[in-house]
Amino acid sequence: MGKGDKKTKRGKINRGSHGVRRPRIKKKPKPEDKINVNKKAQ
């Protein structure tokens, strides 16, 4: 179990792939999007 193993986190990093052991990081919404600066109050 190491860099050559497809199922381990280290192996995923080595191959540059993602999966259960190494999920993709979700982007956090910017604070500007939450405030809605450009929209008018109705």
C-alpha atoms as a PDB file:
ATOM      1  CA  MET A   1       0.000   0.000   0.000  1.00  0.00           C
ATOM      2  CA  GLY A   2       1.563   3.197  -1.177  1.00  0.00           C
ATOM      3  CA  LYS A   3       2.057   5.345  -4.230  1.00  0.00           C
ATOM      4  CA  GLY A   4       1.206   2.553  -6.667  1.00  0.00           C
ATOM      5  CA  ASP A   5      -2.057   1.567  -4.952  1.00  0.00           C
ATOM      6  CA  LYS A   6      -5.101   3.024  -6.751  1.00  0.00           C
ATOM      7  CA  LYS A   7      -7.338   2.801  -3.679  1.00  0.00           C
ATOM      8  CA  THR A   8      -5.230   4.770  -1.180  1.00  0.00           C
ATOM      9  CA  LYS A   9      -5.094   8.546  -0.759  1.00  0.00           C
ATOM     10  CA  ARG A  10      -1.360   8.569  -1.522  1.00  0.00           C
ATOM     11  CA  GLY A  11      -1.957   6.562  -4.703  1.00  0.00           C
ATOM     12  CA  LYS A  12      -4.701   8.978  -5.795  1.00  0.00           C
ATOM     13  CA  ILE A  13      -2.360  11.944  -5.210  1.00  0.00           C
ATOM     14  CA  ASN A  14       0.370  10.185  -7.200  1.00  0.00           C
ATOM     15  CA  ARG A  15      -1.967   9.478 -10.142  1.00  0.00           C
ATOM     16  CA  GLY A  16      -3.744  12.837  -9.913  1.00  0.00           C
ATOM     17  CA  SER A  17      -7.180  11.247  -9.625  1.00  0.00           C
ATOM     18  CA  HIS A  18     -10.058  11.646  -7.181  1.00  0.00           C
ATOM     19  CA  GLY A  19     -12.489   9.296  -5.461  1.00  0.00           C
ATOM     20  CA  VAL A  20     -13.858   8.276  -2.057  1.00  0.00           C
ATOM     21  CA  ARG A  21     -10.452   8.486  -0.371  1.00  0.00           C
ATOM     22  CA  ARG A  22      -9.623  11.832  -2.030  1.00  0.00           C
ATOM     23  CA  PRO A  23     -12.736  13.888  -2.804  1.00  0.00           C
ATOM     24  CA  ARG A  24     -12.595  17.153  -4.728  1.00  0.00           C
ATOM     25  CA  ILE A  25     -12.599  20.275  -2.548  1.00  0.00           C
ATOM     26  CA  LYS A  26     -15.808  22.282  -2.940  1.00  0.00           C
ATOM     27  CA  LYS A  27     -15.407  26.015  -3.475  1.00  0.00           C
ATOM     28  CA  LYS A  28     -16.868  28.164  -0.716  1.00  0.00           C
ATOM     29  CA  PRO A  29     -19.221  30.964  -1.815  1.00  0.00           C
ATOM     30  CA  LYS A  30     -17.762  34.451  -1.546  1.00  0.00           C
ATOM     31  CA  PRO A  31     -19.224  36.817   1.082  1.00  0.00           C
ATOM     32  CA  GLU A  32     -20.233  39.235  -1.724  1.00  0.00           C
ATOM     33  CA  ASP A  33     -22.547  36.575  -3.186  1.00  0.00           C
ATOM     34  CA  LYS A  34     -24.401  36.148   0.117  1.00  0.00           C
ATOM     35  CA  ILE A  35     -25.025  39.887   0.550  1.00  0.00           C
ATOM     36  CA  ASN A  36     -26.342  40.423  -3.027  1.00  0.00           C
ATOM     37  CA  VAL A  37     -24.749  43.863  -3.516  1.00  0.00           C
ATOM     38  CA  ASN A  38     -26.162  44.488  -7.010  1.00  0.00           C
ATOM     39  CA  LYS A  39     -29.794  43.497  -6.279  1.00  0.00           C
ATOM     40  CA  LYS A  40     -32.332  46.052  -5.089  1.00  0.00           C
ATOM     41  CA  ALA A  41     -34.654  45.406  -2.145  1.00  0.00           C
ATOM     42  CA  GLN A  42     -38.211  44.683  -3.238  1.00  0.00           C
END
